[in-house]
Protein backbone atom coordinates (compact mmCIF):
# COMPACT_ATOMS: atom_id res chain seq x y z
CA MET A 1 150.88 35.87 -114.10
CA ILE A 2 153.83 36.15 -116.46
CA THR A 3 155.20 39.46 -117.64
CA ILE A 4 156.34 40.08 -121.20
CA GLY A 5 158.43 43.18 -121.67
CA TYR A 6 158.98 45.03 -124.92
CA TRP A 7 158.93 48.47 -126.49
CA GLY A 8 155.61 50.26 -127.00
CA ILE A 9 155.26 48.79 -130.49
CA LEU A 10 154.14 45.31 -131.53
CA GLY A 11 157.42 44.29 -133.18
CA ALA A 12 159.25 41.10 -132.23
CA GLY A 13 157.38 40.79 -128.94
CA GLU A 14 154.02 40.14 -130.57
CA TYR A 15 154.84 36.58 -131.71
CA SER A 16 154.99 35.44 -128.07
CA LYS A 17 151.83 37.35 -127.22
CA TRP A 18 149.88 35.67 -130.04
CA VAL A 19 150.96 32.27 -128.73
CA ALA A 20 150.06 33.16 -125.13
CA SER A 21 146.72 34.64 -126.18
CA HIS A 22 145.75 31.53 -128.12
CA LEU A 23 146.83 29.13 -125.38
CA GLY A 24 145.09 31.08 -122.63
CA VAL A 25 148.26 31.99 -120.75
CA ALA A 26 147.54 35.28 -119.01
CA PHE A 27 150.27 37.87 -119.26
CA GLU A 28 151.00 41.40 -118.21
CA GLU A 29 152.67 43.73 -120.69
CA LYS A 30 155.56 45.86 -119.52
CA THR A 31 156.30 48.70 -121.90
CA GLU A 32 159.95 49.66 -121.70
CA GLU A 33 161.05 53.23 -122.33
CA ARG A 34 164.26 53.51 -124.30
CA GLU A 35 166.19 55.83 -121.98
CA GLU A 36 165.28 53.94 -118.80
CA TRP A 37 165.90 50.55 -120.44
CA PHE A 38 169.46 51.32 -121.43
CA ALA A 39 170.23 53.34 -118.31
CA THR A 40 169.03 50.90 -115.64
CA ARG A 41 166.45 48.29 -116.55
CA LYS A 42 168.54 46.24 -118.97
CA ALA A 43 171.19 45.53 -116.36
CA SER A 44 168.92 45.26 -113.32
CA LEU A 45 166.37 42.61 -114.37
CA GLY A 46 168.75 39.69 -113.85
CA LEU A 47 168.44 38.31 -117.37
CA ASP A 48 171.24 35.99 -118.49
CA LEU A 49 171.16 37.64 -121.92
CA PRO A 50 169.63 41.09 -121.42
CA ASN A 51 167.44 41.88 -124.40
CA LEU A 52 163.91 42.63 -125.54
CA PRO A 53 161.49 40.96 -125.53
CA TYR A 54 161.84 39.24 -122.18
CA LEU A 55 159.59 37.06 -120.05
CA LEU A 56 159.41 37.01 -116.25
CA ASP A 57 157.62 34.24 -114.38
CA GLY A 58 158.49 34.38 -110.70
CA ASP A 59 162.18 33.57 -110.40
CA PHE A 60 162.35 32.37 -114.00
CA LYS A 61 163.58 34.94 -116.48
CA ILE A 62 164.30 34.57 -120.18
CA SER A 63 164.85 36.74 -123.23
CA GLU A 64 164.79 36.25 -127.02
CA SER A 65 161.68 36.28 -129.19
CA LYS A 66 161.93 32.69 -130.44
CA ALA A 67 162.73 31.15 -127.04
CA ILE A 68 159.85 32.70 -125.11
CA PRO A 69 157.04 30.91 -127.04
CA TYR A 70 158.58 27.52 -126.17
CA TYR A 71 158.26 28.32 -122.48
CA ILE A 72 154.70 29.58 -122.95
CA ALA A 73 153.69 26.40 -124.80
CA HIS A 74 154.98 24.14 -122.04
CA LYS A 75 153.52 26.35 -119.31
CA ALA A 76 150.15 25.85 -120.99
CA ASN A 77 150.84 22.09 -121.05
CA LYS A 78 150.58 22.12 -124.84
CA PRO A 79 153.71 20.30 -126.05
CA GLU A 80 152.04 19.69 -129.40
CA ILE A 81 152.49 23.40 -130.15
CA VAL A 82 156.26 22.87 -130.23
CA GLY A 83 155.86 19.69 -132.28
CA GLY A 84 155.21 16.98 -129.69
CA ASP A 85 157.73 14.18 -130.09
CA LEU A 86 161.34 14.46 -131.25
CA ILE A 87 160.52 14.17 -134.95
CA GLY A 88 157.74 16.73 -134.68
CA GLN A 89 159.89 19.18 -132.73
CA THR A 90 162.68 18.82 -135.26
CA LYS A 91 160.31 19.60 -138.13
CA VAL A 92 159.00 22.67 -136.33
CA ARG A 93 162.56 23.87 -135.76
CA MET A 94 163.35 23.22 -139.44
CA PHE A 95 160.46 25.41 -140.59
CA ILE A 96 161.30 28.18 -138.12
CA ASP A 97 164.91 28.23 -139.30
CA PHE A 98 163.82 28.25 -142.95
CA ILE A 99 161.38 31.10 -142.31
CA ASP A 100 164.12 32.99 -140.50
CA ASP A 101 166.27 32.84 -143.64
CA LEU A 102 163.51 34.65 -145.51
CA VAL A 103 162.72 37.10 -142.73
CA ASN A 104 166.34 38.01 -142.10
CA LYS A 105 166.93 38.86 -145.75
CA ILE A 106 164.03 41.31 -145.63
CA LYS A 107 165.16 42.76 -142.30
CA GLY A 108 168.68 43.02 -143.69
CA ALA A 109 167.37 45.12 -146.57
CA ILE A 110 165.57 47.39 -144.11
CA PHE A 111 168.53 48.02 -141.82
CA ALA A 112 171.45 47.70 -144.26
CA GLY A 113 172.13 51.36 -144.88
CA GLU A 114 170.53 54.65 -145.83
CA LYS A 115 166.86 54.79 -144.87
CA GLU A 116 166.05 56.57 -148.12
CA LYS A 117 167.06 53.45 -150.05
CA ILE A 118 164.97 50.94 -148.08
CA ALA A 119 162.36 50.61 -150.82
CA GLU A 120 165.04 50.09 -153.44
CA ARG A 121 166.76 47.39 -151.39
CA LEU A 122 163.46 45.65 -150.64
CA GLY A 123 162.57 45.67 -154.32
CA GLY A 124 165.83 43.92 -155.10
CA ILE A 125 165.20 41.24 -152.48
CA VAL A 126 161.61 40.33 -153.40
CA THR A 127 162.37 40.14 -157.13
CA ASP A 128 165.41 37.92 -156.66
CA ALA A 129 164.81 34.53 -158.30
CA GLY A 130 166.47 32.55 -155.52
CA PHE A 131 164.45 34.34 -152.87
CA LYS A 132 161.21 33.66 -154.72
CA THR A 133 162.16 30.01 -155.09
CA LYS A 134 162.37 29.65 -151.31
CA PHE A 135 158.78 30.85 -151.01
CA GLU A 136 157.85 28.29 -153.67
CA TYR A 137 159.49 25.57 -151.57
CA LEU A 138 157.53 26.68 -148.51
CA SER A 139 154.26 26.80 -150.44
CA LYS A 140 154.87 23.37 -151.95
CA SER A 141 155.70 21.93 -148.53
CA LEU A 142 152.47 23.32 -147.06
CA GLY A 143 150.45 22.04 -150.00
CA ASP A 144 146.85 21.48 -148.96
CA LYS A 145 147.67 20.72 -145.32
CA GLU A 146 146.00 22.73 -142.59
CA PHE A 147 149.33 23.84 -141.14
CA LEU A 148 153.00 23.60 -142.01
CA THR A 149 153.65 20.30 -140.23
CA GLY A 150 150.21 18.76 -140.68
CA ALA A 151 146.77 19.01 -139.10
CA GLU A 152 147.85 20.76 -135.88
CA ILE A 153 149.11 24.28 -135.46
CA THR A 154 152.66 24.73 -134.16
CA LEU A 155 155.04 27.56 -133.39
CA ALA A 156 156.20 27.45 -137.01
CA ASP A 157 152.77 28.64 -138.15
CA PHE A 158 152.67 31.43 -135.56
CA HIS A 159 156.20 32.47 -136.51
CA PHE A 160 155.37 32.66 -140.21
CA ALA A 161 152.03 34.40 -139.70
CA TRP A 162 153.36 37.13 -137.44
CA ASN A 163 156.38 37.87 -139.62
CA ALA A 164 154.19 37.92 -142.71
CA THR A 165 151.90 40.41 -140.96
CA LEU A 166 154.74 42.57 -139.67
CA LEU A 167 156.88 42.64 -142.81
CA GLY A 168 153.95 42.68 -145.20
CA VAL A 169 153.14 46.15 -143.84
CA VAL A 170 156.66 47.33 -144.70
CA LEU A 171 156.68 45.78 -148.17
CA ARG A 172 153.32 47.22 -149.16
CA SER A 173 154.16 50.62 -147.68
CA ALA A 174 157.41 50.67 -149.66
CA GLY A 175 155.46 50.07 -152.86
CA VAL A 176 157.00 46.67 -153.58
CA GLU A 177 155.43 43.24 -153.91
CA ASP A 178 154.21 41.68 -150.66
CA ILE A 179 155.84 38.34 -151.33
CA PHE A 180 154.06 36.75 -148.36
CA THR A 181 150.79 36.92 -150.32
CA THR A 182 152.01 35.55 -153.65
CA HIS A 183 151.02 31.96 -152.83
CA ASP A 184 147.37 31.39 -152.01
CA ASN A 185 147.99 28.65 -149.47
CA LEU A 186 150.57 30.71 -147.55
CA LYS A 187 148.25 33.71 -147.58
CA ALA A 188 145.43 31.49 -146.29
CA LEU A 189 147.70 30.14 -143.54
CA VAL A 190 148.34 33.66 -142.26
CA GLU A 191 144.63 34.46 -142.20
CA LYS A 192 143.90 31.15 -140.46
CA VAL A 193 146.35 31.94 -137.66
CA LYS A 194 145.02 35.47 -137.29
CA ALA A 195 141.47 34.12 -136.92
CA LEU A 196 142.36 31.70 -134.11
CA PRO A 197 140.63 32.10 -130.74
CA GLY A 198 142.70 34.45 -128.64
CA VAL A 199 144.74 35.71 -131.57
CA ALA A 200 141.77 37.46 -133.19
CA ALA A 201 140.94 39.10 -129.86
CA ARG A 202 144.56 40.16 -129.40
CA ILE A 203 144.63 41.72 -132.86
CA ALA A 204 141.43 43.64 -132.12
CA ALA A 205 142.78 44.81 -128.76
CA THR A 206 146.01 46.15 -130.28
CA ALA A 207 144.44 47.84 -133.30
CA GLY A 208 146.12 51.18 -133.78
CA ARG A 209 149.33 50.26 -131.96
CA PRO A 210 152.27 50.69 -134.36
CA ALA A 211 153.84 47.45 -135.57
CA LEU A 212 157.23 49.12 -136.07
CA PRO A 213 158.78 52.50 -135.23
CA PRO A 214 156.92 54.75 -137.69
CA THR A 215 159.59 57.45 -137.69
CA PHE A 216 162.27 55.01 -138.86
CA PHE A 217 160.90 54.64 -142.38
CA PRO A 218 161.07 57.26 -145.15
CA PHE A 219 157.49 56.39 -146.11
CA GLU A 220 154.19 56.11 -144.26
CA LEU A 221 153.48 52.67 -142.84
CA LYS A 222 150.07 51.48 -144.01
CA PRO A 223 148.15 48.42 -142.73
């Protein structure tokens, strides 16, 4: 059984766990404690790039939240999840990179400075015309397809759905527009991923676990 290590929150580690849960790849969760992680664990696990989340599978060890799902997909013998052939894989990577541009702008607003000004910074991001246009591009590209690259789900869909779930909590709690829900087809995509076999069970099993460090924000995080 593989081990996925992360903090005691959902955070960046949950993307991999949604993928594993849907594909039927059993995993053990290792909850890292901050003091022990930085004092000993980070240096002792033998990771090439010590970081959280990480995955251990026998002698194989890897870190980074966007790399781990690729390993899980191939371990499950489901190459279609990463896009299948070269063209499909390239499209999946394109969508993931595009989504990261959106996600990183929101994360940048969260961590850019004084915590008391998070809501103000988030409000500036989600009302920016260029930022909204990128969501329009993504919505137009999805159109009436089942998933971002077509009829089959890929890592791009998981990546978007988890980040929409994670960051949507922050946006709504900050009292600003949840931009992930402004396009009906993107909103439906998130709900479709969350209803998948394995994912729905994972969501039910982790109900009540904080998505992000609740004490970091100057406002109460609400589902």
